[in-house]
């Protein structure tokens, strides 16, 4: 079995890295597992533990689906949290509304669902997780620090491919191995 997810790799520019490092420094008094910028990605579909003999079906569905899609741009903007102000769980950078991205993600999820890879989400919320929160010492200060960069613009990224990753979890954090790459037209 392999723990798999389909994602779009994000290559952060200096502006995004500057904000990431600033947030990380200002929240250093909290217990947050920070995502290494080299692992920044936008998850399209999380498969979880997947039998290796199912990967060929996954590959076929992805290839057949993306055959209709050409490369496109996304804009990375805004910083927010999942959870509540009182119980934040994840810090993220957002993706502005993008019809091509939503259409691609929905087509993939629907086509994979037909092949038995059930949709585990109610709706697609494109984002880049930058930190997973274990404990916040001062919630008021935490919320203030996030609010300072809430509406910041980070970068435009051209999306040319999707990547099927294997995620190997360890106490030092996840390692992502490329299983397959899928080029858009």
C-alpha atoms as a PDB file:
ATOM      1  CA  UNK A   1       0.000   0.000   0.000  1.00  0.00           C
ATOM      2  CA  UNK A   2       1.068   3.548  -0.714  1.00  0.00           C
ATOM      3  CA  UNK A   3      -0.327   6.717   0.848  1.00  0.00           C
ATOM      4  CA  UNK A   4      -1.114   8.781  -2.267  1.00  0.00           C
ATOM      5  CA  UNK A   5      -2.346  12.227  -3.218  1.00  0.00           C
ATOM      6  CA  UNK A   6      -2.666  14.110  -6.498  1.00  0.00           C
ATOM      7  CA  UNK A   7      -1.364  17.662  -6.351  1.00  0.00           C
ATOM      8  CA  UNK A   8      -0.049  20.710  -8.119  1.00  0.00           C
ATOM      9  CA  UNK A   9       3.484  21.542  -7.010  1.00  0.00           C
ATOM     10  CA  UNK A  10       3.927  25.186  -5.985  1.00  0.00           C
ATOM     11  CA  UNK A  11       7.307  26.870  -6.389  1.00  0.00           C
ATOM     12  CA  UNK A  12       7.259  29.825  -3.971  1.00  0.00           C
ATOM     13  CA  UNK A  13       8.751  33.136  -5.065  1.00  0.00           C
ATOM     14  CA  UNK A  14      10.655  35.507  -2.739  1.00  0.00           C
ATOM     15  CA  UNK A  15       7.489  37.348  -1.750  1.00  0.00           C
ATOM     16  CA  UNK A  16       5.730  34.165  -0.622  1.00  0.00           C
ATOM     17  CA  UNK A  17       8.841  32.946   1.216  1.00  0.00           C
ATOM     18  CA  UNK A  18       9.249  36.302   2.958  1.00  0.00           C
ATOM     19  CA  UNK A  19       5.673  36.150   4.290  1.00  0.00           C
ATOM     20  CA  UNK A  20       6.019  32.479   5.231  1.00  0.00           C
ATOM     21  CA  UNK A  21       9.213  33.175   7.199  1.00  0.00           C
ATOM     22  CA  UNK A  22       7.656  36.239   8.840  1.00  0.00           C
ATOM     23  CA  UNK A  23       4.602  34.250   9.988  1.00  0.00           C
ATOM     24  CA  UNK A  24       6.810  31.410  11.184  1.00  0.00           C
ATOM     25  CA  UNK A  25       8.983  33.814  13.206  1.00  0.00           C
ATOM     26  CA  UNK A  26       6.067  35.767  14.696  1.00  0.00           C
ATOM     27  CA  UNK A  27       4.333  32.535  15.773  1.00  0.00           C
ATOM     28  CA  UNK A  28       7.450  30.708  17.000  1.00  0.00           C
ATOM     29  CA  UNK A  29       6.120  30.604  20.575  1.00  0.00           C
ATOM     30  CA  UNK A  30       3.364  28.198  19.462  1.00  0.00           C
ATOM     31  CA  UNK A  31       3.477  24.508  18.605  1.00  0.00           C
ATOM     32  CA  UNK A  32       3.085  24.464  14.825  1.00  0.00           C
ATOM     33  CA  UNK A  33       4.457  21.866  12.401  1.00  0.00           C
ATOM     34  CA  UNK A  34       5.593  24.062   9.517  1.00  0.00           C
ATOM     35  CA  UNK A  35       5.493  22.744   5.964  1.00  0.00           C
ATOM     36  CA  UNK A  36       8.874  22.974   4.305  1.00  0.00           C
ATOM     37  CA  UNK A  37       8.506  25.403   1.352  1.00  0.00           C
ATOM     38  CA  UNK A  38      10.027  22.725  -0.913  1.00  0.00           C
ATOM     39  CA  UNK A  39       6.882  20.682  -0.156  1.00  0.00           C
ATOM     40  CA  UNK A  40       4.328  23.429  -0.941  1.00  0.00           C
ATOM     41  CA  UNK A  41       1.506  22.002  -3.035  1.00  0.00           C
ATOM     42  CA  UNK A  42      -2.167  22.338  -3.794  1.00  0.00           C
ATOM     43  CA  UNK A  43      -3.923  19.007  -3.200  1.00  0.00           C
ATOM     44  CA  UNK A  44      -6.442  18.078  -5.880  1.00  0.00           C
ATOM     45  CA  UNK A  45      -7.328  14.609  -4.567  1.00  0.00           C
ATOM     46  CA  UNK A  46      -6.176  12.751  -1.446  1.00  0.00           C
ATOM     47  CA  UNK A  47      -6.337   8.981  -1.933  1.00  0.00           C
ATOM     48  CA  UNK A  48      -4.817   7.818   1.344  1.00  0.00           C
ATOM     49  CA  UNK A  49      -3.654   4.217   1.568  1.00  0.00           C
ATOM     50  CA  UNK A  50      -3.942   2.782  -1.932  1.00  0.00           C
ATOM     51  CA  UNK A  51      -3.152  -0.718  -3.189  1.00  0.00           C
ATOM     52  CA  UNK A  52      -0.267  -0.628  -5.655  1.00  0.00           C
ATOM     53  CA  UNK A  53      -2.256  -2.582  -8.259  1.00  0.00           C
ATOM     54  CA  UNK A  54      -4.846   0.256  -8.248  1.00  0.00           C
ATOM     55  CA  UNK A  55      -2.288   2.844  -9.371  1.00  0.00           C
ATOM     56  CA  UNK A  56      -2.691   1.845 -13.038  1.00  0.00           C
ATOM     57  CA  UNK A  57      -6.424   2.684 -12.823  1.00  0.00           C
ATOM     58  CA  UNK A  58      -5.603   6.024 -11.162  1.00  0.00           C
ATOM     59  CA  UNK A  59      -3.087   6.782 -13.929  1.00  0.00           C
ATOM     60  CA  UNK A  60      -5.584   5.986 -16.686  1.00  0.00           C
ATOM     61  CA  UNK A  61      -8.346   8.143 -15.171  1.00  0.00           C
ATOM     62  CA  UNK A  62      -5.992  11.094 -14.680  1.00  0.00           C
ATOM     63  CA  UNK A  63      -4.532  10.836 -18.197  1.00  0.00           C
ATOM     64  CA  UNK A  64      -7.986  10.514 -19.785  1.00  0.00           C
ATOM     65  CA  UNK A  65      -9.331  13.452 -17.770  1.00  0.00           C
ATOM     66  CA  UNK A  66      -6.517  15.955 -18.236  1.00  0.00           C
ATOM     67  CA  UNK A  67      -6.382  15.273 -21.970  1.00  0.00           C
ATOM     68  CA  UNK A  68      -8.968  18.061 -22.363  1.00  0.00           C
ATOM     69  CA  UNK A  69      -7.063  20.643 -20.284  1.00  0.00           C
ATOM     70  CA  UNK A  70      -4.268  23.007 -21.245  1.00  0.00           C
ATOM     71  CA  UNK A  71      -1.942  24.866 -18.898  1.00  0.00           C
ATOM     72  CA  UNK A  72      -3.354  27.844 -16.999  1.00  0.00           C
ATOM     73  CA  UNK A  73      -2.391  30.405 -14.363  1.00  0.00           C
ATOM     74  CA  UNK A  74      -3.467  30.629 -10.744  1.00  0.00           C
ATOM     75  CA  UNK A  75      -2.993  33.504  -8.323  1.00  0.00           C
ATOM     76  CA  UNK A  76      -1.918  32.840  -4.763  1.00  0.00           C
ATOM     77  CA  UNK A  77      -3.401  35.397  -2.416  1.00  0.00           C
ATOM     78  CA  UNK A  78      -4.639  35.675   1.175  1.00  0.00           C
ATOM     79  CA  UNK A  79      -3.646  33.891   4.370  1.00  0.00           C
ATOM     80  CA  UNK A  80      -6.134  32.124   6.560  1.00  0.00           C
ATOM     81  CA  UNK A  81      -6.883  29.264   8.899  1.00  0.00           C
ATOM     82  CA  UNK A  82      -9.005  26.153   8.925  1.00  0.00           C
ATOM     83  CA  UNK A  83     -10.785  25.622  12.199  1.00  0.00           C
ATOM     84  CA  UNK A  84     -12.040  28.558  14.201  1.00  0.00           C
ATOM     85  CA  UNK A  85     -10.393  31.596  15.767  1.00  0.00           C
ATOM     86  CA  UNK A  86     -10.654  29.685  19.050  1.00  0.00           C
ATOM     87  CA  UNK A  87      -9.441  26.349  17.713  1.00  0.00           C
ATOM     88  CA  UNK A  88      -7.304  26.906  14.590  1.00  0.00           C
ATOM     89  CA  UNK A  89      -5.969  23.708  12.972  1.00  0.00           C
ATOM     90  CA  UNK A  90      -4.178  24.738   9.748  1.00  0.00           C
ATOM     91  CA  UNK A  91      -2.596  27.930   8.383  1.00  0.00           C
ATOM     92  CA  UNK A  92      -2.871  28.316   4.611  1.00  0.00           C
ATOM     93  CA  UNK A  93      -2.191  30.526   1.600  1.00  0.00           C
ATOM     94  CA  UNK A  94      -5.259  30.841  -0.628  1.00  0.00           C
ATOM     95  CA  UNK A  95      -5.901  30.555  -4.332  1.00  0.00           C
ATOM     96  CA  UNK A  96      -8.137  33.173  -5.971  1.00  0.00           C
ATOM     97  CA  UNK A  97     -11.281  31.808  -7.591  1.00  0.00           C
ATOM     98  CA  UNK A  98     -10.263  30.080 -10.796  1.00  0.00           C
ATOM     99  CA  UNK A  99     -12.783  28.418 -13.100  1.00  0.00           C
ATOM    100  CA  UNK A 100     -10.183  26.289 -14.924  1.00  0.00           C
ATOM    101  CA  UNK A 101      -8.757  24.935 -11.665  1.00  0.00           C
ATOM    102  CA  UNK A 102     -12.217  24.181 -10.259  1.00  0.00           C
ATOM    103  CA  UNK A 103     -13.302  22.488 -13.471  1.00  0.00           C
ATOM    104  CA  UNK A 104     -10.127  20.361 -13.604  1.00  0.00           C
ATOM    105  CA  UNK A 105     -10.406  19.334  -9.945  1.00  0.00           C
ATOM    106  CA  UNK A 106     -14.124  18.519 -10.211  1.00  0.00           C
ATOM    107  CA  UNK A 107     -13.647  16.457 -13.383  1.00  0.00           C
ATOM    108  CA  UNK A 108     -10.814  14.490 -11.796  1.00  0.00           C
ATOM    109  CA  UNK A 109     -12.663  13.869  -8.535  1.00  0.00           C
ATOM    110  CA  UNK A 110     -15.875  12.836 -10.355  1.00  0.00           C
ATOM    111  CA  UNK A 111     -14.064  10.511 -12.781  1.00  0.00           C
ATOM    112  CA  UNK A 112     -12.052   8.931  -9.972  1.00  0.00           C
ATOM    113  CA  UNK A 113     -15.247   8.511  -7.934  1.00  0.00           C
ATOM    114  CA  UNK A 114     -16.793   6.537 -10.811  1.00  0.00           C
ATOM    115  CA  UNK A 115     -13.788   4.184 -10.669  1.00  0.00           C
ATOM    116  CA  UNK A 116     -14.221   3.573  -6.932  1.00  0.00           C
ATOM    117  CA  UNK A 117     -11.947   6.252  -5.465  1.00  0.00           C
ATOM    118  CA  UNK A 118     -14.601   7.922  -3.356  1.00  0.00           C
ATOM    119  CA  UNK A 119     -14.769  11.671  -2.912  1.00  0.00           C
ATOM    120  CA  UNK A 120     -14.030  12.422   0.746  1.00  0.00           C
ATOM    121  CA  UNK A 121     -14.622  16.187   0.527  1.00  0.00           C
ATOM    122  CA  UNK A 122     -17.865  18.085   0.248  1.00  0.00           C
ATOM    123  CA  UNK A 123     -16.330  20.814  -1.885  1.00  0.00           C
ATOM    124  CA  UNK A 124     -12.968  21.745  -3.371  1.00  0.00           C
ATOM    125  CA  UNK A 125     -11.233  24.529  -1.414  1.00  0.00           C
ATOM    126  CA  UNK A 126      -7.915  25.216  -3.179  1.00  0.00           C
ATOM    127  CA  UNK A 127      -5.174  26.209  -0.744  1.00  0.00           C
ATOM    128  CA  UNK A 128      -1.551  25.619   0.205  1.00  0.00           C
ATOM    129  CA  UNK A 129      -1.139  24.383   3.774  1.00  0.00           C
ATOM    130  CA  UNK A 130       1.852  26.093   5.381  1.00  0.00           C
ATOM    131  CA  UNK A 131       1.476  25.018   9.021  1.00  0.00           C
ATOM    132  CA  UNK A 132      -0.413  22.427  11.065  1.00  0.00           C
ATOM    133  CA  UNK A 133      -1.260  23.666  14.537  1.00  0.00           C
ATOM    134  CA  UNK A 134      -0.759  21.562  17.640  1.00  0.00           C
ATOM    135  CA  UNK A 135      -1.138  24.251  20.312  1.00  0.00           C
ATOM    136  CA  UNK A 136      -1.601  28.030  20.385  1.00  0.00           C
ATOM    137  CA  UNK A 137      -0.342  29.796  23.522  1.00  0.00           C
ATOM    138  CA  UNK A 138      -2.013  33.177  22.935  1.00  0.00           C
ATOM    139  CA  UNK A 139      -4.985  32.992  20.569  1.00  0.00           C
ATOM    140  CA  UNK A 140      -5.511  36.758  20.491  1.00  0.00           C
ATOM    141  CA  UNK A 141      -1.906  37.368  19.409  1.00  0.00           C
ATOM    142  CA  UNK A 142      -2.086  34.445  16.946  1.00  0.00           C
ATOM    143  CA  UNK A 143      -5.200  35.899  15.275  1.00  0.00           C
ATOM    144  CA  UNK A 144      -3.608  39.346  15.171  1.00  0.00           C
ATOM    145  CA  UNK A 145      -0.497  37.986  13.395  1.00  0.00           C
ATOM    146  CA  UNK A 146      -2.617  36.134  10.812  1.00  0.00           C
ATOM    147  CA  UNK A 147      -4.823  39.214  10.255  1.00  0.00           C
ATOM    148  CA  UNK A 148      -1.732  41.286   9.317  1.00  0.00           C
ATOM    149  CA  UNK A 149      -1.232  39.170   6.170  1.00  0.00           C
ATOM    150  CA  UNK A 150      -4.833  38.100   5.583  1.00  0.00           C
ATOM    151  CA  UNK A 151      -5.183  39.933   2.254  1.00  0.00           C
ATOM    152  CA  UNK A 152      -1.592  39.805   0.991  1.00  0.00           C
ATOM    153  CA  UNK A 153      -0.906  38.899  -2.642  1.00  0.00           C
ATOM    154  CA  UNK A 154       1.901  36.373  -3.171  1.00  0.00           C
ATOM    155  CA  UNK A 155       2.332  35.318  -6.760  1.00  0.00           C
ATOM    156  CA  UNK A 156       0.976  34.083 -10.049  1.00  0.00           C
ATOM    157  CA  UNK A 157       1.916  30.498 -10.976  1.00  0.00           C
ATOM    158  CA  UNK A 158       1.549  28.735 -14.287  1.00  0.00           C
ATOM    159  CA  UNK A 159       0.100  25.249 -13.884  1.00  0.00           C
ATOM    160  CA  UNK A 160       1.603  22.869 -16.442  1.00  0.00           C
ATOM    161  CA  UNK A 161       1.325  19.517 -14.707  1.00  0.00           C
ATOM    162  CA  UNK A 162      -0.185  17.472 -11.916  1.00  0.00           C
ATOM    163  CA  UNK A 163       1.859  15.083  -9.809  1.00  0.00           C
ATOM    164  CA  UNK A 164       0.830  11.875  -8.088  1.00  0.00           C
ATOM    165  CA  UNK A 165       2.807  11.803  -4.850  1.00  0.00           C
ATOM    166  CA  UNK A 166       3.435   9.091  -2.307  1.00  0.00           C
ATOM    167  CA  UNK A 167       3.546  10.526   1.202  1.00  0.00           C
ATOM    168  CA  UNK A 168       5.767   8.709   3.692  1.00  0.00           C
ATOM    169  CA  UNK A 169       5.144   9.908   7.239  1.00  0.00           C
ATOM    170  CA  UNK A 170       7.841   9.999   9.917  1.00  0.00           C
ATOM    171  CA  UNK A 171       8.559  11.860  13.149  1.00  0.00           C
ATOM    172  CA  UNK A 172      10.673  14.323  11.120  1.00  0.00           C
ATOM    173  CA  UNK A 173       7.712  15.157   8.870  1.00  0.00           C
ATOM    174  CA  UNK A 174       6.450  13.780   5.571  1.00  0.00           C
ATOM    175  CA  UNK A 175       8.597  12.836   2.603  1.00  0.00           C
ATOM    176  CA  UNK A 176       6.942  13.166  -0.796  1.00  0.00           C
ATOM    177  CA  UNK A 177       8.049  10.835  -3.591  1.00  0.00           C
ATOM    178  CA  UNK A 178       6.875  11.381  -7.156  1.00  0.00           C
ATOM    179  CA  UNK A 179       4.916   8.378  -8.451  1.00  0.00           C
ATOM    180  CA  UNK A 180       3.914   9.939 -11.774  1.00  0.00           C
ATOM    181  CA  UNK A 181       3.739  13.296 -13.578  1.00  0.00           C
ATOM    182  CA  UNK A 182       0.879  14.327 -15.857  1.00  0.00           C
ATOM    183  CA  UNK A 183       1.505  17.169 -18.311  1.00  0.00           C
ATOM    184  CA  UNK A 184      -1.332  19.448 -19.339  1.00  0.00           C
ATOM    185  CA  UNK A 185      -1.658  20.406 -23.035  1.00  0.00           C
END
